[in-house]
Amino acid sequence: MFKFRGVVFILILLFIAACGGGGGNPVEDLSSSITTSIPVDNGAIGSDGSIPADPGAAADLTLLGVDTNDNSVRDEVEIAIADRYPEDIQTKNALKQVAKSIQSAFEGIDTSDTEATSAAVSEMIKAVDCLTSRSDDPRSDLLFIEMQMVDTTARAQAYNAFNESAAGQFF
């Protein structure tokens, strides 16, 4: 259905597979760039420690959805992450980092600007690397967060456009 959606997803999966045999510690190697490139919460879902209220049908009315606490993660996605990992702070933060990187693909990246697209894909790769180092099942978690983020036709079209702009680039 969404034939180009998988371009970045496939690149990310390849990165996950390639990441496993290097012998280094990806957490130590990338921890400074990960935490400075996309801020992560200290374990709380909302910046004040609360989970945002379910936006209901309003969540799907716009491309960017509802983000009442303005942390670049849609409220219904934060709720889904909290439901999936109620006690695992590191995995919650890693999933939110991936969600933020996907959300940035929806937020007006000029898909004709290869430099902006490359920067966004680089952030996605960092986020996936973070998730890989913190999750017991990174492939399942990556699929989970992508399904949460790309959940309407408009979001799928934006994600496809982003993936098409990234196709053929080297990262």
C-alpha atoms as a PDB file:
ATOM      1  CA  MET A   1       0.000   0.000   0.000  1.00  0.00           C
ATOM      2  CA  PHE A   2       2.655   2.492   0.958  1.00  0.00           C
ATOM      3  CA  LYS A   3       5.346   1.284  -1.391  1.00  0.00           C
ATOM      4  CA  PHE A   4       8.073   3.791  -0.601  1.00  0.00           C
ATOM      5  CA  ARG A   5       7.553   3.858   3.155  1.00  0.00           C
ATOM      6  CA  GLY A   6       9.971   1.045   3.600  1.00  0.00           C
ATOM      7  CA  VAL A   7      13.054   2.735   2.109  1.00  0.00           C
ATOM      8  CA  VAL A   8      14.163   4.341   5.371  1.00  0.00           C
ATOM      9  CA  PHE A   9      12.768   1.399   7.340  1.00  0.00           C
ATOM     10  CA  ILE A  10      14.929  -1.014   5.315  1.00  0.00           C
ATOM     11  CA  LEU A  11      17.967   1.233   5.732  1.00  0.00           C
ATOM     12  CA  ILE A  12      17.338   1.278   9.444  1.00  0.00           C
ATOM     13  CA  LEU A  13      16.949  -2.500   9.635  1.00  0.00           C
ATOM     14  CA  LEU A  14      20.195  -2.915   7.710  1.00  0.00           C
ATOM     15  CA  PHE A  15      21.845  -0.546  10.153  1.00  0.00           C
ATOM     16  CA  ILE A  16      20.534  -2.630  13.055  1.00  0.00           C
ATOM     17  CA  ALA A  17      21.889  -5.813  11.510  1.00  0.00           C
ATOM     18  CA  ALA A  18      25.244  -4.206  10.704  1.00  0.00           C
ATOM     19  CA  CYS A  19      25.538  -2.651  14.126  1.00  0.00           C
ATOM     20  CA  GLY A  20      25.695  -5.931  16.058  1.00  0.00           C
ATOM     21  CA  GLY A  21      29.127  -7.264  15.177  1.00  0.00           C
ATOM     22  CA  GLY A  22      31.411  -4.287  15.581  1.00  0.00           C
ATOM     23  CA  GLY A  23      32.767  -5.167  18.996  1.00  0.00           C
ATOM     24  CA  GLY A  24      32.415  -1.615  20.318  1.00  0.00           C
ATOM     25  CA  ASN A  25      29.863  -0.328  22.743  1.00  0.00           C
ATOM     26  CA  PRO A  26      27.258   1.648  20.764  1.00  0.00           C
ATOM     27  CA  VAL A  27      25.910   3.203  23.953  1.00  0.00           C
ATOM     28  CA  GLU A  28      29.297   4.671  24.847  1.00  0.00           C
ATOM     29  CA  ASP A  29      30.237   5.484  21.252  1.00  0.00           C
ATOM     30  CA  LEU A  30      27.112   7.474  20.471  1.00  0.00           C
ATOM     31  CA  SER A  31      25.787   8.520  23.870  1.00  0.00           C
ATOM     32  CA  SER A  32      26.987  12.113  23.629  1.00  0.00           C
ATOM     33  CA  SER A  33      25.640  12.692  20.126  1.00  0.00           C
ATOM     34  CA  ILE A  34      22.353  10.978  20.917  1.00  0.00           C
ATOM     35  CA  THR A  35      21.575  12.926  24.048  1.00  0.00           C
ATOM     36  CA  THR A  36      22.630  16.262  22.592  1.00  0.00           C
ATOM     37  CA  SER A  37      20.915  15.848  19.235  1.00  0.00           C
ATOM     38  CA  ILE A  38      17.452  14.977  20.540  1.00  0.00           C
ATOM     39  CA  PRO A  39      16.648  15.791  24.170  1.00  0.00           C
ATOM     40  CA  VAL A  40      15.263  12.884  26.141  1.00  0.00           C
ATOM     41  CA  ASP A  41      13.246  12.993  29.335  1.00  0.00           C
ATOM     42  CA  ASN A  42      14.699  11.630  32.555  1.00  0.00           C
ATOM     43  CA  GLY A  43      12.250   8.755  32.647  1.00  0.00           C
ATOM     44  CA  ALA A  44       8.987  10.601  32.835  1.00  0.00           C
ATOM     45  CA  ILE A  45       6.655  10.561  29.887  1.00  0.00           C
ATOM     46  CA  GLY A  46       5.701  14.212  30.095  1.00  0.00           C
ATOM     47  CA  SER A  47       8.229  16.852  31.063  1.00  0.00           C
ATOM     48  CA  ASP A  48       6.286  17.267  34.320  1.00  0.00           C
ATOM     49  CA  GLY A  49       6.214  13.515  34.953  1.00  0.00           C
ATOM     50  CA  SER A  50       2.699  12.904  33.705  1.00  0.00           C
ATOM     51  CA  ILE A  51       1.267  11.063  30.767  1.00  0.00           C
ATOM     52  CA  PRO A  52      -0.754  13.382  28.534  1.00  0.00           C
ATOM     53  CA  ALA A  53      -4.478  12.866  28.200  1.00  0.00           C
ATOM     54  CA  ASP A  54      -5.700  10.781  25.281  1.00  0.00           C
ATOM     55  CA  PRO A  55      -6.552  13.230  22.484  1.00  0.00           C
ATOM     56  CA  GLY A  56      -9.113  10.818  21.012  1.00  0.00           C
ATOM     57  CA  ALA A  57     -10.229  11.558  17.460  1.00  0.00           C
ATOM     58  CA  ALA A  58      -8.392  14.896  17.489  1.00  0.00           C
ATOM     59  CA  ALA A  59      -5.114  12.951  17.230  1.00  0.00           C
ATOM     60  CA  ASP A  60      -5.765  12.160  13.576  1.00  0.00           C
ATOM     61  CA  LEU A  61      -7.229  15.457  12.354  1.00  0.00           C
ATOM     62  CA  THR A  62      -3.889  16.961  11.327  1.00  0.00           C
ATOM     63  CA  LEU A  63      -0.570  15.719  10.020  1.00  0.00           C
ATOM     64  CA  LEU A  64       1.277  16.723  13.188  1.00  0.00           C
ATOM     65  CA  GLY A  65      -1.407  15.516  15.598  1.00  0.00           C
ATOM     66  CA  VAL A  66      -1.772  16.661  19.198  1.00  0.00           C
ATOM     67  CA  ASP A  67       1.250  17.323  21.422  1.00  0.00           C
ATOM     68  CA  THR A  68      -0.041  19.086  24.536  1.00  0.00           C
ATOM     69  CA  ASN A  69       3.277  19.011  26.392  1.00  0.00           C
ATOM     70  CA  ASP A  70       5.206  20.252  23.341  1.00  0.00           C
ATOM     71  CA  ASN A  71       7.944  17.607  23.496  1.00  0.00           C
ATOM     72  CA  SER A  72       7.750  16.625  19.794  1.00  0.00           C
ATOM     73  CA  VAL A  73       6.048  13.294  20.540  1.00  0.00           C
ATOM     74  CA  ARG A  74       2.337  13.079  19.797  1.00  0.00           C
ATOM     75  CA  ASP A  75       0.236  12.439  22.883  1.00  0.00           C
ATOM     76  CA  GLU A  76      -1.296   9.161  21.701  1.00  0.00           C
ATOM     77  CA  VAL A  77       2.201   7.888  20.864  1.00  0.00           C
ATOM     78  CA  GLU A  78       3.442   8.779  24.364  1.00  0.00           C
ATOM     79  CA  ILE A  79       0.501   6.867  25.816  1.00  0.00           C
ATOM     80  CA  ALA A  80       1.279   3.824  23.645  1.00  0.00           C
ATOM     81  CA  ILE A  81       4.941   3.915  24.696  1.00  0.00           C
ATOM     82  CA  ALA A  82       3.971   4.151  28.381  1.00  0.00           C
ATOM     83  CA  ASP A  83       1.571   1.234  27.961  1.00  0.00           C
ATOM     84  CA  ARG A  84       4.227  -0.887  26.243  1.00  0.00           C
ATOM     85  CA  TYR A  85       7.017  -0.115  28.728  1.00  0.00           C
ATOM     86  CA  PRO A  86       5.528   1.105  32.005  1.00  0.00           C
ATOM     87  CA  GLU A  87       8.771   0.584  33.991  1.00  0.00           C
ATOM     88  CA  ASP A  88      11.609   0.662  31.433  1.00  0.00           C
ATOM     89  CA  ILE A  89      12.810   4.270  31.369  1.00  0.00           C
ATOM     90  CA  GLN A  90      15.664   3.735  28.907  1.00  0.00           C
ATOM     91  CA  THR A  91      13.527   1.959  26.314  1.00  0.00           C
ATOM     92  CA  LYS A  92      10.762   4.567  26.701  1.00  0.00           C
ATOM     93  CA  ASN A  93      13.281   7.331  26.045  1.00  0.00           C
ATOM     94  CA  ALA A  94      14.753   5.473  23.074  1.00  0.00           C
ATOM     95  CA  LEU A  95      11.281   4.945  21.577  1.00  0.00           C
ATOM     96  CA  LYS A  96      10.479   8.620  22.081  1.00  0.00           C
ATOM     97  CA  GLN A  97      13.735   9.536  20.335  1.00  0.00           C
ATOM     98  CA  VAL A  98      12.734   7.413  17.315  1.00  0.00           C
ATOM     99  CA  ALA A  99       9.250   8.974  17.391  1.00  0.00           C
ATOM    100  CA  LYS A 100      10.787  12.456  17.400  1.00  0.00           C
ATOM    101  CA  SER A 101      12.980  11.614  14.430  1.00  0.00           C
ATOM    102  CA  ILE A 102       9.996  10.317  12.451  1.00  0.00           C
ATOM    103  CA  GLN A 103       7.906  13.317  13.502  1.00  0.00           C
ATOM    104  CA  SER A 104      10.596  15.603  12.109  1.00  0.00           C
ATOM    105  CA  ALA A 105      10.000  13.961   8.722  1.00  0.00           C
ATOM    106  CA  PHE A 106       6.410  15.240   8.950  1.00  0.00           C
ATOM    107  CA  GLU A 107       7.329  18.738  10.123  1.00  0.00           C
ATOM    108  CA  GLY A 108       8.077  20.551   6.947  1.00  0.00           C
ATOM    109  CA  ILE A 109      11.379  19.100   5.831  1.00  0.00           C
ATOM    110  CA  ASP A 110      11.785  20.298   2.282  1.00  0.00           C
ATOM    111  CA  THR A 111      12.087  16.972   0.490  1.00  0.00           C
ATOM    112  CA  SER A 112      13.918  18.664  -2.374  1.00  0.00           C
ATOM    113  CA  ASP A 113      16.641  19.755   0.068  1.00  0.00           C
ATOM    114  CA  THR A 114      19.004  16.788   0.134  1.00  0.00           C
ATOM    115  CA  GLU A 115      21.032  18.292   2.965  1.00  0.00           C
ATOM    116  CA  ALA A 116      17.958  18.600   5.227  1.00  0.00           C
ATOM    117  CA  THR A 117      16.862  15.098   4.295  1.00  0.00           C
ATOM    118  CA  SER A 118      20.327  13.720   5.051  1.00  0.00           C
ATOM    119  CA  ALA A 119      20.348  15.442   8.437  1.00  0.00           C
ATOM    120  CA  ALA A 120      16.904  14.016   9.271  1.00  0.00           C
ATOM    121  CA  VAL A 121      17.925  10.508   8.212  1.00  0.00           C
ATOM    122  CA  SER A 122      21.108  10.817  10.282  1.00  0.00           C
ATOM    123  CA  GLU A 123      18.972  11.642  13.315  1.00  0.00           C
ATOM    124  CA  MET A 124      16.814   8.606  12.569  1.00  0.00           C
ATOM    125  CA  ILE A 125      19.892   6.398  12.399  1.00  0.00           C
ATOM    126  CA  LYS A 126      21.138   7.758  15.736  1.00  0.00           C
ATOM    127  CA  ALA A 127      17.715   7.183  17.269  1.00  0.00           C
ATOM    128  CA  VAL A 128      17.545   3.621  15.964  1.00  0.00           C
ATOM    129  CA  ASP A 129      21.058   2.963  17.251  1.00  0.00           C
ATOM    130  CA  CYS A 130      19.951   4.207  20.652  1.00  0.00           C
ATOM    131  CA  LEU A 131      16.899   1.941  20.535  1.00  0.00           C
ATOM    132  CA  THR A 132      19.062  -1.006  19.462  1.00  0.00           C
ATOM    133  CA  SER A 133      21.335  -0.544  22.439  1.00  0.00           C
ATOM    134  CA  ARG A 134      18.475  -0.269  24.941  1.00  0.00           C
ATOM    135  CA  SER A 135      15.788  -2.649  23.702  1.00  0.00           C
ATOM    136  CA  ASP A 136      15.587  -6.403  24.145  1.00  0.00           C
ATOM    137  CA  ASP A 137      13.740  -6.630  20.812  1.00  0.00           C
ATOM    138  CA  PRO A 138      14.696  -3.597  18.706  1.00  0.00           C
ATOM    139  CA  ARG A 139      13.114  -4.838  15.474  1.00  0.00           C
ATOM    140  CA  SER A 140       9.759  -5.330  17.160  1.00  0.00           C
ATOM    141  CA  ASP A 141      10.046  -1.977  18.935  1.00  0.00           C
ATOM    142  CA  LEU A 142      10.995  -0.216  15.711  1.00  0.00           C
ATOM    143  CA  LEU A 143       8.011  -1.686  13.910  1.00  0.00           C
ATOM    144  CA  PHE A 144       5.802  -0.752  16.882  1.00  0.00           C
ATOM    145  CA  ILE A 145       6.875   2.900  16.861  1.00  0.00           C
ATOM    146  CA  GLU A 146       6.660   3.196  13.097  1.00  0.00           C
ATOM    147  CA  MET A 147       3.105   1.831  13.185  1.00  0.00           C
ATOM    148  CA  GLN A 148       2.216   4.359  15.889  1.00  0.00           C
ATOM    149  CA  MET A 149       3.739   7.255  13.966  1.00  0.00           C
ATOM    150  CA  VAL A 150       2.576   6.446  10.423  1.00  0.00           C
ATOM    151  CA  ASP A 151      -1.054   5.788  11.238  1.00  0.00           C
ATOM    152  CA  THR A 152      -3.052   7.948   8.813  1.00  0.00           C
ATOM    153  CA  THR A 153      -3.067   8.381   5.048  1.00  0.00           C
ATOM    154  CA  ALA A 154      -1.651  11.908   5.340  1.00  0.00           C
ATOM    155  CA  ARG A 155       1.192  10.725   7.580  1.00  0.00           C
ATOM    156  CA  ALA A 156       1.920   7.794   5.267  1.00  0.00           C
ATOM    157  CA  GLN A 157       2.063  10.166   2.292  1.00  0.00           C
ATOM    158  CA  ALA A 158       4.431  12.512   4.157  1.00  0.00           C
ATOM    159  CA  TYR A 159       6.598   9.586   5.237  1.00  0.00           C
ATOM    160  CA  ASN A 160       6.638   8.230   1.679  1.00  0.00           C
ATOM    161  CA  ALA A 161       7.694  11.624   0.330  1.00  0.00           C
ATOM    162  CA  PHE A 162      10.456  11.755   2.923  1.00  0.00           C
ATOM    163  CA  ASN A 163      11.613   8.222   2.073  1.00  0.00           C
ATOM    164  CA  GLU A 164      11.584   9.009  -1.646  1.00  0.00           C
ATOM    165  CA  SER A 165      13.784  12.051  -1.022  1.00  0.00           C
ATOM    166  CA  ALA A 166      16.210   9.878   0.949  1.00  0.00           C
ATOM    167  CA  ALA A 167      16.386   7.137  -1.685  1.00  0.00           C
ATOM    168  CA  GLY A 168      19.704   6.972  -3.484  1.00  0.00           C
ATOM    169  CA  GLN A 169      21.601   8.966  -0.855  1.00  0.00           C
ATOM    170  CA  PHE A 170      24.507   7.510   1.064  1.00  0.00           C
ATOM    171  CA  PHE A 171      24.481   7.732   4.855  1.00  0.00           C
END
